[in-house]
Amino acid sequence: MALETLGKVLLDPKATWTTKKQQQAMLAVLKREQDMMAMLKTGGGKSMLAIIPAVMMKKEGIILTLPLKSLMTDWERKLTEMKIPFQVYHPNSNGGRLRSDINLILVSADRATHAGWRQALATINQVLPVTRLVFDEAHLVLLSEDFRKSLTNISELRQLPMQLILLSGTVPPQSVMALKSAFRLTSDTIQVRQSSN
């Protein structure tokens, strides 16, 4: 089913997984039994870990949290080109409310720390259960002291019972424990790592 969805998203019925690691990560995301860290190199198919669940599970909310404006722009462009419905949370549009008819919700890491987002998320969860939170370029959290204060209490993002999925192409093995600690992930968190340069 997921592979069929991949083919539809890519407009290629012969599409297949980029690597076995991408397939392994996708299965963990779809099972939704444990949190997951997907450390796949550029071009390894990380974005599909947010897109495919959103396409397959229209009655479940998928939150995609992005720590950089450039990432937000890239994701908006990519999703628009793929014709994947999405919405971007902005406190000044639609009264700060989220639409219940679009299940892929993009939010900046900065906005995801504000009370308005927490209220919008709690409200949407009543009509569109939010089941997954995907955080792209999760390694940036490890730079937060010198980078941005909004990332220092990142574990507070999970205000609902949901699967947390961290995406990154650049988490050295020695930094995994620090990243798990920052997000308060448990010891049974699934780790899918692909060797990268």
Protein backbone atom coordinates (compact mmCIF):
# COMPACT_ATOMS: atom_id res chain seq x y z
CA MET A 1 0.00 0.00 0.00
CA ALA A 2 2.78 2.46 0.90
CA LEU A 3 4.71 1.60 -2.25
CA GLU A 4 1.58 2.14 -4.32
CA THR A 5 1.15 5.53 -2.64
CA LEU A 6 4.78 6.37 -3.40
CA GLY A 7 4.11 5.66 -7.07
CA LYS A 8 1.07 7.97 -7.05
CA VAL A 9 2.96 10.76 -5.29
CA LEU A 10 5.89 10.53 -7.71
CA LEU A 11 3.58 9.98 -10.71
CA ASP A 12 5.55 6.84 -11.47
CA PRO A 13 3.77 3.48 -11.07
CA LYS A 14 7.16 1.74 -11.16
CA ALA A 15 8.58 3.82 -8.29
CA THR A 16 10.34 1.89 -5.59
CA TRP A 17 12.14 2.68 -2.34
CA THR A 18 15.35 4.66 -2.71
CA THR A 19 17.06 2.27 -0.27
CA LYS A 20 16.20 -0.54 2.16
CA LYS A 21 16.73 2.01 4.95
CA GLN A 22 14.00 4.26 3.54
CA GLN A 23 11.65 1.27 3.40
CA GLN A 24 12.55 0.30 6.98
CA ALA A 25 11.93 3.86 8.19
CA MET A 26 8.60 4.04 6.34
CA LEU A 27 7.38 0.82 7.93
CA ALA A 28 8.24 2.18 11.39
CA VAL A 29 6.37 5.42 10.65
CA LEU A 30 3.28 3.60 9.39
CA LYS A 31 3.21 1.14 12.31
CA ARG A 32 3.32 4.11 14.72
CA GLU A 33 4.34 1.93 17.65
CA GLN A 34 7.49 3.83 18.64
CA ASP A 35 9.24 7.12 18.04
CA MET A 36 11.80 7.07 15.26
CA MET A 37 14.99 8.77 14.14
CA ALA A 38 15.62 8.56 10.40
CA MET A 39 19.20 9.50 9.59
CA LEU A 40 19.23 9.22 5.82
CA LYS A 41 21.60 10.99 3.46
CA THR A 42 20.45 13.71 1.08
CA GLY A 43 18.29 12.10 -1.59
CA GLY A 44 17.55 9.17 0.73
CA GLY A 45 13.81 9.81 0.77
CA LYS A 46 13.33 11.46 4.17
CA SER A 47 10.54 13.74 2.92
CA MET A 48 8.39 10.73 2.02
CA LEU A 49 8.25 9.83 5.72
CA ALA A 50 5.95 12.84 6.20
CA ILE A 51 4.23 12.83 2.80
CA ILE A 52 3.14 9.20 2.48
CA PRO A 53 1.37 8.98 5.88
CA ALA A 54 -0.43 12.25 5.07
CA VAL A 55 -1.60 10.89 1.72
CA MET A 56 -2.57 7.48 3.07
CA MET A 57 -4.26 8.60 6.30
CA LYS A 58 -6.49 11.55 5.41
CA LYS A 59 -8.33 11.38 8.75
CA GLU A 60 -5.16 11.80 10.79
CA GLY A 61 -3.22 15.01 11.31
CA ILE A 62 0.50 15.03 10.50
CA ILE A 63 2.54 17.94 11.85
CA LEU A 64 5.74 18.87 10.03
CA THR A 65 7.92 21.16 12.14
CA LEU A 66 10.62 23.12 10.36
CA PRO A 67 13.45 24.98 12.12
CA LEU A 68 14.45 27.26 9.22
CA LYS A 69 12.57 29.62 6.90
CA SER A 70 14.48 28.18 3.97
CA LEU A 71 13.18 24.70 4.85
CA MET A 72 9.63 26.02 4.98
CA THR A 73 10.07 27.52 1.51
CA ASP A 74 11.56 24.28 0.16
CA TRP A 75 8.75 22.15 1.61
CA GLU A 76 6.04 24.49 0.31
CA ARG A 77 7.57 24.36 -3.17
CA LYS A 78 7.99 20.59 -3.10
CA LEU A 79 4.45 19.90 -1.86
CA THR A 80 2.94 22.34 -4.36
CA GLU A 81 4.82 20.69 -7.24
CA MET A 82 3.65 17.25 -6.07
CA LYS A 83 0.09 18.55 -5.66
CA ILE A 84 0.00 17.37 -2.04
CA PRO A 85 -2.54 19.39 -0.01
CA PHE A 86 -0.99 21.17 2.97
CA GLN A 87 -1.56 24.13 5.21
CA VAL A 88 0.90 26.39 6.98
CA TYR A 89 0.10 27.55 10.49
CA HIS A 90 0.24 31.30 10.88
CA PRO A 91 -1.22 32.98 13.98
CA ASN A 92 -2.67 35.86 11.94
CA SER A 93 -4.50 33.86 9.28
CA ASN A 94 -7.89 32.24 9.78
CA GLY A 95 -7.95 33.57 13.33
CA GLY A 96 -5.02 31.31 14.19
CA ARG A 97 -7.17 28.24 13.55
CA LEU A 98 -6.22 25.19 11.52
CA ARG A 99 -8.43 23.70 8.81
CA SER A 100 -9.75 20.21 9.47
CA ASP A 101 -9.97 19.29 5.76
CA ILE A 102 -6.19 19.40 5.17
CA ASN A 103 -4.22 16.96 7.29
CA LEU A 104 -0.60 17.90 6.52
CA ILE A 105 0.23 20.91 8.69
CA LEU A 106 3.51 22.81 8.42
CA VAL A 107 4.66 24.94 11.34
CA SER A 108 7.92 26.73 12.03
CA ALA A 109 9.80 25.65 15.14
CA ASP A 110 9.55 29.24 16.41
CA ARG A 111 5.75 29.37 16.10
CA ALA A 112 5.37 25.86 17.54
CA THR A 113 6.54 27.17 20.92
CA HIS A 114 3.78 29.80 21.24
CA ALA A 115 0.53 29.46 23.15
CA GLY A 116 -1.50 30.22 20.01
CA TRP A 117 -0.09 27.12 18.27
CA ARG A 118 -0.77 24.95 21.31
CA GLN A 119 -4.39 26.10 21.30
CA ALA A 120 -4.76 25.57 17.55
CA LEU A 121 -3.28 22.08 17.85
CA ALA A 122 -5.53 21.13 20.78
CA THR A 123 -8.58 22.39 18.87
CA ILE A 124 -7.80 20.59 15.59
CA ASN A 125 -7.03 17.37 17.48
CA GLN A 126 -10.69 17.19 18.54
CA VAL A 127 -11.85 16.76 14.93
CA LEU A 128 -8.68 15.53 13.19
CA PRO A 129 -6.63 13.37 15.57
CA VAL A 130 -2.97 14.35 15.35
CA THR A 131 -0.96 11.12 15.26
CA ARG A 132 2.53 12.11 14.12
CA LEU A 133 4.94 15.00 14.53
CA VAL A 134 7.81 15.05 12.03
CA PHE A 135 10.77 17.34 12.78
CA ASP A 136 13.00 17.99 9.78
CA GLU A 137 16.73 18.69 10.16
CA ALA A 138 16.51 17.66 13.81
CA HIS A 139 20.28 17.95 14.28
CA LEU A 140 19.88 21.75 14.35
CA VAL A 141 18.47 21.43 17.86
CA LEU A 142 21.93 20.44 19.06
CA LEU A 143 23.16 23.88 17.96
CA SER A 144 20.33 25.73 19.72
CA GLU A 145 22.38 27.43 22.44
CA ASP A 146 24.36 29.29 19.82
CA PHE A 147 21.56 29.18 17.24
CA ARG A 148 18.06 29.98 18.50
CA LYS A 149 16.55 30.02 21.97
CA SER A 150 13.23 28.69 20.64
CA LEU A 151 14.87 25.28 20.14
CA THR A 152 16.17 24.90 23.69
CA ASN A 153 12.94 23.40 25.11
CA ILE A 154 12.10 21.38 22.03
CA SER A 155 10.73 18.42 23.98
CA GLU A 156 7.66 20.55 24.79
CA LEU A 157 6.49 20.24 21.17
CA ARG A 158 4.80 16.95 21.96
CA GLN A 159 1.75 18.15 23.84
CA LEU A 160 -0.42 15.25 22.62
CA PRO A 161 0.16 11.48 22.54
CA MET A 162 1.74 11.16 19.09
CA GLN A 163 4.63 9.50 17.33
CA LEU A 164 7.69 11.71 17.07
CA ILE A 165 9.77 11.30 13.90
CA LEU A 166 13.13 13.03 13.66
CA LEU A 167 14.66 13.49 10.21
CA SER A 168 18.28 14.35 9.54
CA GLY A 169 21.08 13.62 7.15
CA THR A 170 23.84 14.70 9.51
CA VAL A 171 23.70 13.18 12.99
CA PRO A 172 27.08 11.69 13.92
CA PRO A 173 26.73 8.52 16.03
CA GLN A 174 28.23 10.31 19.04
CA SER A 175 25.42 12.92 18.91
CA VAL A 176 22.49 10.50 18.91
CA MET A 177 22.15 10.37 22.72
CA ALA A 178 22.18 14.17 22.97
CA LEU A 179 19.46 14.42 20.32
CA LYS A 180 17.34 11.77 22.03
CA SER A 181 17.75 13.64 25.31
CA ALA A 182 16.77 16.99 23.74
CA PHE A 183 13.50 15.50 22.44
CA ARG A 184 13.06 13.22 25.49
CA LEU A 185 12.93 10.10 23.38
CA THR A 186 12.90 6.75 25.15
CA SER A 187 15.48 4.00 24.86
CA ASP A 188 13.22 1.96 22.54
CA THR A 189 13.21 4.71 19.88
CA ILE A 190 13.83 3.14 16.47
CA GLN A 191 16.99 4.38 14.76
CA VAL A 192 17.38 3.98 11.03
CA ARG A 193 20.80 5.11 9.89
CA GLN A 194 22.24 5.22 6.42
CA SER A 195 25.95 5.81 6.01
CA SER A 196 26.71 9.27 4.66
CA ASN A 197 29.76 11.25 3.72
